[in-house]
Amino acid sequence: MKIRKWLDMLLSILTVVSFAGVITVVTIQIMSRYLPYNAIWTEELTRYLFIYAICFGAPLALIRGEYINVDMLISRMSHNFRRIYEIVIYVVLIVLFGVMIKTGYDFTLVGTQTSATMPFKMSVIHAAILIMSVLLAFYSIVKIVKLIRNEEDFKSDIDGGEL
């Protein structure tokens, strides 16, 4: 599991760096309105940094169980039934992510044009879908393994959960 902890840390750092980049670029964009310097590239770069922040943050949200859910019924399920239910959900997600991997790969290959204001090909931006899909599929598999080994604790969802 050292690889997963390393990957978790890397994704956390990349998410923070992406969001910090968004804040920095938006600050430059605001300042350029009042200075003689015209930064036309800021709007596009902000969008790309936000896409990559989601690309790196979504897998972390999946593995930590931080996606929004309505747990009115789920919290009333028995532990074993909930484990089976969660496994089925993650298997369905893996199928979805498999489709997204194929589509993301095809979409990345199509990005041969150059960005409007940035000096790189759009395939760099399109690759975010592929990267995110691969990471989400990986973390879904990790969740299934944890559920099969009965390492997932649902008690915190019931006792200390948020409304």
Protein backbone atom coordinates (compact mmCIF):
# COMPACT_ATOMS: atom_id res chain seq x y z
CA MET A 1 0.00 0.00 0.00
CA LYS A 2 3.03 2.29 -0.05
CA ILE A 3 2.32 3.04 -3.70
CA ARG A 4 -1.23 4.09 -2.87
CA LYS A 5 -0.08 6.37 -0.05
CA TRP A 6 2.48 7.90 -2.38
CA LEU A 7 -0.21 8.38 -5.05
CA ASP A 8 -2.59 9.90 -2.47
CA MET A 9 0.10 12.36 -1.44
CA LEU A 10 0.97 13.21 -5.05
CA LEU A 11 -2.67 13.80 -5.95
CA SER A 12 -3.15 15.95 -2.85
CA ILE A 13 -0.15 18.08 -3.77
CA LEU A 14 -1.23 18.40 -7.41
CA THR A 15 -4.76 19.39 -6.34
CA VAL A 16 -3.43 22.09 -4.02
CA VAL A 17 -0.98 23.33 -6.67
CA SER A 18 -3.77 23.46 -9.28
CA PHE A 19 -6.10 25.43 -7.01
CA ALA A 20 -3.24 27.72 -5.94
CA GLY A 21 -2.57 28.26 -9.64
CA VAL A 22 -6.21 29.19 -10.18
CA ILE A 23 -6.03 31.73 -7.36
CA THR A 24 -2.75 33.17 -8.64
CA VAL A 25 -3.91 33.45 -12.25
CA VAL A 26 -7.24 35.03 -11.27
CA THR A 27 -5.32 37.54 -9.13
CA ILE A 28 -3.14 38.39 -12.13
CA GLN A 29 -6.27 38.73 -14.25
CA ILE A 30 -7.85 41.15 -11.76
CA MET A 31 -4.64 43.17 -11.41
CA SER A 32 -4.20 43.40 -15.18
CA ARG A 33 -7.47 45.35 -15.39
CA TYR A 34 -5.83 48.23 -13.52
CA LEU A 35 -2.30 47.97 -14.92
CA PRO A 36 -1.01 48.68 -18.42
CA TYR A 37 -0.21 44.95 -18.74
CA ASN A 38 -2.90 43.00 -20.62
CA ALA A 39 -3.00 39.29 -19.67
CA ILE A 40 -5.33 37.70 -22.20
CA TRP A 41 -4.09 34.19 -21.38
CA THR A 42 -5.42 34.23 -17.80
CA GLU A 43 -9.00 33.20 -18.58
CA GLU A 44 -7.91 30.15 -20.53
CA LEU A 45 -5.24 29.07 -18.04
CA THR A 46 -7.71 29.42 -15.15
CA ARG A 47 -10.08 27.04 -16.92
CA TYR A 48 -7.33 24.49 -17.58
CA LEU A 49 -6.01 24.62 -14.01
CA PHE A 50 -9.53 24.11 -12.68
CA ILE A 51 -10.01 21.09 -14.96
CA TYR A 52 -6.80 19.54 -13.63
CA ALA A 53 -7.71 20.38 -10.03
CA ILE A 54 -10.87 18.32 -10.52
CA CYS A 55 -8.88 15.63 -12.31
CA PHE A 56 -6.59 15.22 -9.30
CA GLY A 57 -9.19 15.84 -6.58
CA ALA A 58 -12.01 13.57 -7.77
CA PRO A 59 -10.11 10.30 -7.14
CA LEU A 60 -9.21 11.48 -3.64
CA ALA A 61 -12.86 12.28 -2.94
CA LEU A 62 -13.82 8.78 -4.12
CA ILE A 63 -11.31 6.93 -1.94
CA ARG A 64 -12.15 9.07 1.11
CA GLY A 65 -15.90 8.71 0.63
CA GLU A 66 -16.36 12.47 0.33
CA TYR A 67 -18.82 12.49 -2.54
CA ILE A 68 -22.26 13.82 -1.70
CA ASN A 69 -24.75 11.09 -0.98
CA VAL A 70 -28.14 10.67 0.60
CA ASP A 71 -27.65 8.11 3.30
CA MET A 72 -31.11 7.94 4.81
CA LEU A 73 -31.59 4.35 3.62
CA ILE A 74 -27.94 3.35 3.47
CA SER A 75 -27.35 4.12 7.15
CA ARG A 76 -30.15 1.71 8.07
CA MET A 77 -28.67 -1.22 6.12
CA SER A 78 -26.90 -4.01 7.93
CA HIS A 79 -23.12 -4.00 7.62
CA ASN A 80 -22.98 -7.06 5.33
CA PHE A 81 -25.79 -5.86 3.08
CA ARG A 82 -24.15 -2.45 2.80
CA ARG A 83 -20.82 -4.04 1.88
CA ILE A 84 -22.47 -5.96 -0.96
CA TYR A 85 -24.38 -2.86 -2.03
CA GLU A 86 -21.17 -0.78 -2.11
CA ILE A 87 -19.30 -3.48 -4.06
CA VAL A 88 -22.05 -3.50 -6.70
CA ILE A 89 -21.92 0.31 -6.90
CA TYR A 90 -18.14 0.30 -7.40
CA VAL A 91 -18.34 -2.44 -10.06
CA VAL A 92 -20.87 -0.31 -11.96
CA LEU A 93 -18.54 2.68 -11.56
CA ILE A 94 -15.61 0.68 -12.94
CA VAL A 95 -17.67 -0.10 -16.05
CA LEU A 96 -18.46 3.62 -16.40
CA PHE A 97 -14.82 4.55 -15.90
CA GLY A 98 -13.84 1.96 -18.51
CA VAL A 99 -16.06 3.75 -21.02
CA MET A 100 -14.57 7.07 -19.91
CA ILE A 101 -11.03 5.71 -20.34
CA LYS A 102 -11.77 4.66 -23.92
CA THR A 103 -13.52 7.96 -24.69
CA GLY A 104 -10.83 9.99 -22.92
CA TYR A 105 -8.12 8.24 -24.92
CA ASP A 106 -9.93 8.97 -28.20
CA PHE A 107 -10.55 12.57 -27.11
CA THR A 108 -6.86 13.02 -26.27
CA LEU A 109 -5.86 11.85 -29.74
CA VAL A 110 -8.17 14.43 -31.33
CA GLY A 111 -6.51 17.37 -29.53
CA THR A 112 -3.99 18.21 -32.23
CA GLN A 113 -4.81 21.92 -32.44
CA THR A 114 -2.86 24.44 -30.39
CA SER A 115 -4.46 26.30 -27.50
CA ALA A 116 -5.78 29.75 -28.41
CA THR A 117 -3.54 31.73 -26.04
CA MET A 118 -1.21 29.12 -24.53
CA PRO A 119 1.78 27.47 -26.25
CA PHE A 120 0.68 23.82 -26.03
CA LYS A 121 -1.58 21.36 -27.81
CA MET A 122 -5.11 20.77 -26.59
CA SER A 123 -4.33 17.08 -26.12
CA VAL A 124 -2.63 18.14 -22.86
CA ILE A 125 -5.98 19.45 -21.62
CA HIS A 126 -8.02 16.62 -23.13
CA ALA A 127 -5.79 14.12 -21.34
CA ALA A 128 -7.32 15.22 -18.02
CA ILE A 129 -10.37 13.05 -18.77
CA LEU A 130 -8.19 10.03 -19.43
CA ILE A 131 -6.02 10.60 -16.34
CA MET A 132 -9.01 11.15 -14.08
CA SER A 133 -10.82 8.08 -15.42
CA VAL A 134 -7.80 5.83 -14.88
CA LEU A 135 -7.34 7.14 -11.34
CA LEU A 136 -11.04 6.76 -10.53
CA ALA A 137 -11.03 3.18 -11.84
CA PHE A 138 -7.93 2.40 -9.77
CA TYR A 139 -9.42 3.84 -6.59
CA SER A 140 -12.71 2.00 -7.23
CA ILE A 141 -10.75 -1.25 -7.36
CA VAL A 142 -9.00 -0.30 -4.11
CA LYS A 143 -12.41 0.36 -2.51
CA ILE A 144 -13.73 -3.03 -3.69
CA VAL A 145 -10.68 -4.79 -2.22
CA LYS A 146 -11.20 -2.97 1.08
CA LEU A 147 -14.87 -3.93 1.08
CA ILE A 148 -14.14 -7.59 0.33
CA ARG A 149 -11.55 -7.68 3.12
CA ASN A 150 -14.12 -6.02 5.41
CA GLU A 151 -11.74 -3.11 6.09
CA GLU A 152 -14.37 -0.45 5.40
CA ASP A 153 -15.89 1.12 8.51
CA PHE A 154 -19.49 2.27 8.07
CA LYS A 155 -20.03 3.03 11.75
CA SER A 156 -18.70 6.61 11.39
CA ASP A 157 -21.31 7.24 8.69
CA ILE A 158 -24.11 6.50 11.14
CA ASP A 159 -22.75 7.93 14.40
CA GLY A 160 -20.90 11.05 13.31
CA GLY A 161 -22.39 11.66 9.92
CA GLU A 162 -23.52 15.04 8.74
CA LEU A 163 -27.11 15.91 7.95
